[in-house]
Amino acid sequence: MSEKNQFEIVDGQVILHDEFQGIDKTILNYEQVAAIKLLIQKLSSALCRAF
């Protein structure tokens, strides 16, 4: 069994390549990805100020 990454970022979206079903699924759309990035930035800033 290959250790191929099943996830890929395409046009700002996270795509799951489901080889079992033979289809690709959008797991996170670009708006969700942007929200996660913003959350990570805010948390990183808060942690830097705490120390």
PDB file of N, CA and C in Angstrom:
ATOM      1  N   MET A   1       0.840  -1.186   0.000  1.00  0.00           N
ATOM      2  CA  MET A   1       0.000   0.000   0.000  1.00  0.00           C
ATOM      3  C   MET A   1       0.882   1.246   0.000  1.00  0.00           C
ATOM      4  N   SER A   2       0.607   2.176  -0.886  1.00  0.00           N
ATOM      5  CA  SER A   2       1.434   3.366  -0.964  1.00  0.00           C
ATOM      6  C   SER A   2       1.069   4.348   0.141  1.00  0.00           C
ATOM      7  N   GLU A   3       2.027   5.176   0.511  1.00  0.00           N
ATOM      8  CA  GLU A   3       1.835   6.189   1.550  1.00  0.00           C
ATOM      9  C   GLU A   3       1.504   7.537   0.918  1.00  0.00           C
ATOM     10  N   LYS A   4       0.741   7.530  -0.153  1.00  0.00           N
ATOM     11  CA  LYS A   4       0.383   8.736  -0.876  1.00  0.00           C
ATOM     12  C   LYS A   4      -0.554   9.599  -0.025  1.00  0.00           C
ATOM     13  N   ASN A   5      -0.314  10.909  -0.024  1.00  0.00           N
ATOM     14  CA  ASN A   5      -1.176  11.841   0.692  1.00  0.00           C
ATOM     15  C   ASN A   5      -2.517  11.914  -0.020  1.00  0.00           C
ATOM     16  N   GLN A   6      -3.589  11.668   0.723  1.00  0.00           N
ATOM     17  CA  GLN A   6      -4.917  11.677   0.127  1.00  0.00           C
ATOM     18  C   GLN A   6      -5.481  13.086   0.004  1.00  0.00           C
ATOM     19  N   PHE A   7      -4.832  14.071   0.636  1.00  0.00           N
ATOM     20  CA  PHE A   7      -5.330  15.432   0.621  1.00  0.00           C
ATOM     21  C   PHE A   7      -4.484  16.301  -0.291  1.00  0.00           C
ATOM     22  N   GLU A   8      -5.133  17.244  -0.938  1.00  0.00           N
ATOM     23  CA  GLU A   8      -4.446  18.170  -1.839  1.00  0.00           C
ATOM     24  C   GLU A   8      -5.125  19.530  -1.724  1.00  0.00           C
ATOM     25  N   ILE A   9      -4.332  20.592  -1.811  1.00  0.00           N
ATOM     26  CA  ILE A   9      -4.890  21.940  -1.811  1.00  0.00           C
ATOM     27  C   ILE A   9      -4.970  22.405  -3.260  1.00  0.00           C
ATOM     28  N   VAL A  10      -6.190  22.709  -3.708  1.00  0.00           N
ATOM     29  CA  VAL A  10      -6.431  23.145  -5.080  1.00  0.00           C
ATOM     30  C   VAL A  10      -7.273  24.408  -5.027  1.00  0.00           C
ATOM     31  N   ASP A  11      -6.752  25.495  -5.574  1.00  0.00           N
ATOM     32  CA  ASP A  11      -7.476  26.768  -5.601  1.00  0.00           C
ATOM     33  C   ASP A  11      -7.999  27.165  -4.227  1.00  0.00           C
ATOM     34  N   GLY A  12      -7.187  26.951  -3.181  1.00  0.00           N
ATOM     35  CA  GLY A  12      -7.570  27.351  -1.837  1.00  0.00           C
ATOM     36  C   GLY A  12      -8.559  26.428  -1.156  1.00  0.00           C
ATOM     37  N   GLN A  13      -8.839  25.286  -1.751  1.00  0.00           N
ATOM     38  CA  GLN A  13      -9.743  24.311  -1.156  1.00  0.00           C
ATOM     39  C   GLN A  13      -8.968  23.030  -0.835  1.00  0.00           C
ATOM     40  N   VAL A  14      -9.397  22.325   0.206  1.00  0.00           N
ATOM     41  CA  VAL A  14      -8.774  21.060   0.557  1.00  0.00           C
ATOM     42  C   VAL A  14      -9.619  19.945  -0.056  1.00  0.00           C
ATOM     43  N   ILE A  15      -8.979  19.152  -0.906  1.00  0.00           N
ATOM     44  CA  ILE A  15      -9.644  18.081  -1.636  1.00  0.00           C
ATOM     45  C   ILE A  15      -9.159  16.735  -1.095  1.00  0.00           C
ATOM     46  N   LEU A  16     -10.096  15.808  -0.854  1.00  0.00           N
ATOM     47  CA  LEU A  16      -9.769  14.443  -0.465  1.00  0.00           C
ATOM     48  C   LEU A  16      -9.899  13.557  -1.687  1.00  0.00           C
ATOM     49  N   HIS A  17      -8.822  12.858  -2.026  1.00  0.00           N
ATOM     50  CA  HIS A  17      -8.852  11.894  -3.126  1.00  0.00           C
ATOM     51  C   HIS A  17      -9.231  10.544  -2.526  1.00  0.00           C
ATOM     52  N   ASP A  18     -10.468  10.141  -2.716  1.00  0.00           N
ATOM     53  CA  ASP A  18     -10.988   8.895  -2.158  1.00  0.00           C
ATOM     54  C   ASP A  18     -10.795   7.788  -3.191  1.00  0.00           C
ATOM     55  N   GLU A  19      -9.689   7.073  -3.069  1.00  0.00           N
ATOM     56  CA  GLU A  19      -9.380   6.024  -4.043  1.00  0.00           C
ATOM     57  C   GLU A  19     -10.334   4.841  -3.910  1.00  0.00           C
ATOM     58  N   PHE A  20     -10.845   4.593  -2.721  1.00  0.00           N
ATOM     59  CA  PHE A  20     -11.761   3.474  -2.504  1.00  0.00           C
ATOM     60  C   PHE A  20     -13.041   3.650  -3.319  1.00  0.00           C
ATOM     61  N   GLN A  21     -13.614   4.883  -3.261  1.00  0.00           N
ATOM     62  CA  GLN A  21     -14.827   5.157  -4.016  1.00  0.00           C
ATOM     63  C   GLN A  21     -14.542   5.712  -5.412  1.00  0.00           C
ATOM     64  N   GLY A  22     -13.289   6.066  -5.658  1.00  0.00           N
ATOM     65  CA  GLY A  22     -12.904   6.575  -6.963  1.00  0.00           C
ATOM     66  C   GLY A  22     -13.382   7.988  -7.257  1.00  0.00           C
ATOM     67  N   ILE A  23     -13.558   8.794  -6.199  1.00  0.00           N
ATOM     68  CA  ILE A  23     -14.025  10.170  -6.389  1.00  0.00           C
ATOM     69  C   ILE A  23     -13.177  11.130  -5.560  1.00  0.00           C
ATOM     70  N   ASP A  24     -13.258  12.398  -5.905  1.00  0.00           N
ATOM     71  CA  ASP A  24     -12.624  13.464  -5.137  1.00  0.00           C
ATOM     72  C   ASP A  24     -13.716  14.249  -4.434  1.00  0.00           C
ATOM     73  N   LYS A  25     -13.474  14.621  -3.180  1.00  0.00           N
ATOM     74  CA  LYS A  25     -14.454  15.364  -2.401  1.00  0.00           C
ATOM     75  C   LYS A  25     -13.819  16.639  -1.869  1.00  0.00           C
ATOM     76  N   THR A  26     -14.562  17.746  -1.916  1.00  0.00           N
ATOM     77  CA  THR A  26     -14.102  18.980  -1.288  1.00  0.00           C
ATOM     78  C   THR A  26     -14.374  18.855   0.201  1.00  0.00           C
ATOM     79  N   ILE A  27     -13.315  18.847   1.001  1.00  0.00           N
ATOM     80  CA  ILE A  27     -13.437  18.692   2.447  1.00  0.00           C
ATOM     81  C   ILE A  27     -13.584  20.062   3.103  1.00  0.00           C
ATOM     82  N   LEU A  28     -12.759  21.018   2.695  1.00  0.00           N
ATOM     83  CA  LEU A  28     -12.831  22.387   3.191  1.00  0.00           C
ATOM     84  C   LEU A  28     -12.832  23.323   2.000  1.00  0.00           C
ATOM     85  N   ASN A  29     -13.827  24.216   1.928  1.00  0.00           N
ATOM     86  CA  ASN A  29     -13.818  25.171   0.826  1.00  0.00           C
ATOM     87  C   ASN A  29     -12.925  26.359   1.185  1.00  0.00           C
ATOM     88  N   TYR A  30     -12.739  27.263   0.258  1.00  0.00           N
ATOM     89  CA  TYR A  30     -11.784  28.354   0.463  1.00  0.00           C
ATOM     90  C   TYR A  30     -12.195  29.269   1.619  1.00  0.00           C
ATOM     91  N   GLU A  31     -13.489  29.421   1.876  1.00  0.00           N
ATOM     92  CA  GLU A  31     -13.933  30.255   3.001  1.00  0.00           C
ATOM     93  C   GLU A  31     -13.577  29.593   4.332  1.00  0.00           C
ATOM     94  N   GLN A  32     -13.740  28.293   4.421  1.00  0.00           N
ATOM     95  CA  GLN A  32     -13.389  27.568   5.636  1.00  0.00           C
ATOM     96  C   GLN A  32     -11.882  27.593   5.870  1.00  0.00           C
ATOM     97  N   VAL A  33     -11.108  27.439   4.801  1.00  0.00           N
ATOM     98  CA  VAL A  33      -9.647  27.493   4.913  1.00  0.00           C
ATOM     99  C   VAL A  33      -9.216  28.872   5.410  1.00  0.00           C
ATOM    100  N   ALA A  34      -9.810  29.928   4.870  1.00  0.00           N
ATOM    101  CA  ALA A  34      -9.472  31.287   5.301  1.00  0.00           C
ATOM    102  C   ALA A  34      -9.821  31.503   6.771  1.00  0.00           C
ATOM    103  N   ALA A  35     -10.956  30.980   7.214  1.00  0.00           N
ATOM    104  CA  ALA A  35     -11.356  31.115   8.611  1.00  0.00           C
ATOM    105  C   ALA A  35     -10.382  30.390   9.536  1.00  0.00           C
ATOM    106  N   ILE A  36      -9.923  29.226   9.144  1.00  0.00           N
ATOM    107  CA  ILE A  36      -8.961  28.474   9.947  1.00  0.00           C
ATOM    108  C   ILE A  36      -7.635  29.213  10.021  1.00  0.00           C
ATOM    109  N   LYS A  37      -7.182  29.768   8.892  1.00  0.00           N
ATOM    110  CA  LYS A  37      -5.926  30.532   8.885  1.00  0.00           C
ATOM    111  C   LYS A  37      -6.020  31.736   9.811  1.00  0.00           C
ATOM    112  N   LEU A  38      -7.151  32.447   9.774  1.00  0.00           N
ATOM    113  CA  LEU A  38      -7.343  33.608  10.634  1.00  0.00           C
ATOM    114  C   LEU A  38      -7.328  33.193  12.110  1.00  0.00           C
ATOM    115  N   LEU A  39      -7.996  32.108  12.429  1.00  0.00           N
ATOM    116  CA  LEU A  39      -8.013  31.611  13.795  1.00  0.00           C
ATOM    117  C   LEU A  39      -6.604  31.265  14.275  1.00  0.00           C
ATOM    118  N   ILE A  40      -5.832  30.603  13.436  1.00  0.00           N
ATOM    119  CA  ILE A  40      -4.452  30.248  13.791  1.00  0.00           C
ATOM    120  C   ILE A  40      -3.620  31.503  14.028  1.00  0.00           C
ATOM    121  N   GLN A  41      -3.777  32.521  13.170  1.00  0.00           N
ATOM    122  CA  GLN A  41      -3.046  33.774  13.354  1.00  0.00           C
ATOM    123  C   GLN A  41      -3.396  34.434  14.677  1.00  0.00           C
ATOM    124  N   LYS A  42      -4.689  34.486  14.998  1.00  0.00           N
ATOM    125  CA  LYS A  42      -5.141  35.114  16.244  1.00  0.00           C
ATOM    126  C   LYS A  42      -4.607  34.355  17.456  1.00  0.00           C
ATOM    127  N   LEU A  43      -4.662  33.040  17.417  1.00  0.00           N
ATOM    128  CA  LEU A  43      -4.155  32.240  18.528  1.00  0.00           C
ATOM    129  C   LEU A  43      -2.647  32.386  18.678  1.00  0.00           C
ATOM    130  N   SER A  44      -1.937  32.438  17.563  1.00  0.00           N
ATOM    131  CA  SER A  44      -0.482  32.608  17.605  1.00  0.00           C
ATOM    132  C   SER A  44      -0.121  33.950  18.228  1.00  0.00           C
ATOM    133  N   SER A  45      -0.831  34.990  17.840  1.00  0.00           N
ATOM    134  CA  SER A  45      -0.583  36.324  18.396  1.00  0.00           C
ATOM    135  C   SER A  45      -0.855  36.349  19.901  1.00  0.00           C
ATOM    136  N   ALA A  46      -1.930  35.713  20.312  1.00  0.00           N
ATOM    137  CA  ALA A  46      -2.286  35.678  21.735  1.00  0.00           C
ATOM    138  C   ALA A  46      -1.225  34.914  22.537  1.00  0.00           C
ATOM    139  N   LEU A  47      -0.721  33.818  21.981  1.00  0.00           N
ATOM    140  CA  LEU A  47       0.300  33.042  22.672  1.00  0.00           C
ATOM    141  C   LEU A  47       1.613  33.817  22.778  1.00  0.00           C
ATOM    142  N   CYS A  48       1.956  34.549  21.730  1.00  0.00           N
ATOM    143  CA  CYS A  48       3.201  35.337  21.744  1.00  0.00           C
ATOM    144  C   CYS A  48       3.119  36.430  22.815  1.00  0.00           C
ATOM    145  N   ARG A  49       1.958  37.041  22.969  1.00  0.00           N
ATOM    146  CA  ARG A  49       1.799  38.084  23.986  1.00  0.00           C
ATOM    147  C   ARG A  49       1.808  37.494  25.399  1.00  0.00           C
ATOM    148  N   ALA A  50       1.384  36.244  25.541  1.00  0.00           N
ATOM    149  CA  ALA A  50       1.311  35.620  26.858  1.00  0.00           C
ATOM    150  C   ALA A  50       2.697  35.306  27.404  1.00  0.00           C
ATOM    151  N   PHE A  51       3.669  35.145  26.520  1.00  0.00           N
ATOM    152  CA  PHE A  51       5.032  34.802  26.983  1.00  0.00           C
ATOM    153  C   PHE A  51       5.933  35.917  26.782  1.00  0.00           C
TER     154      PHE A  51
END
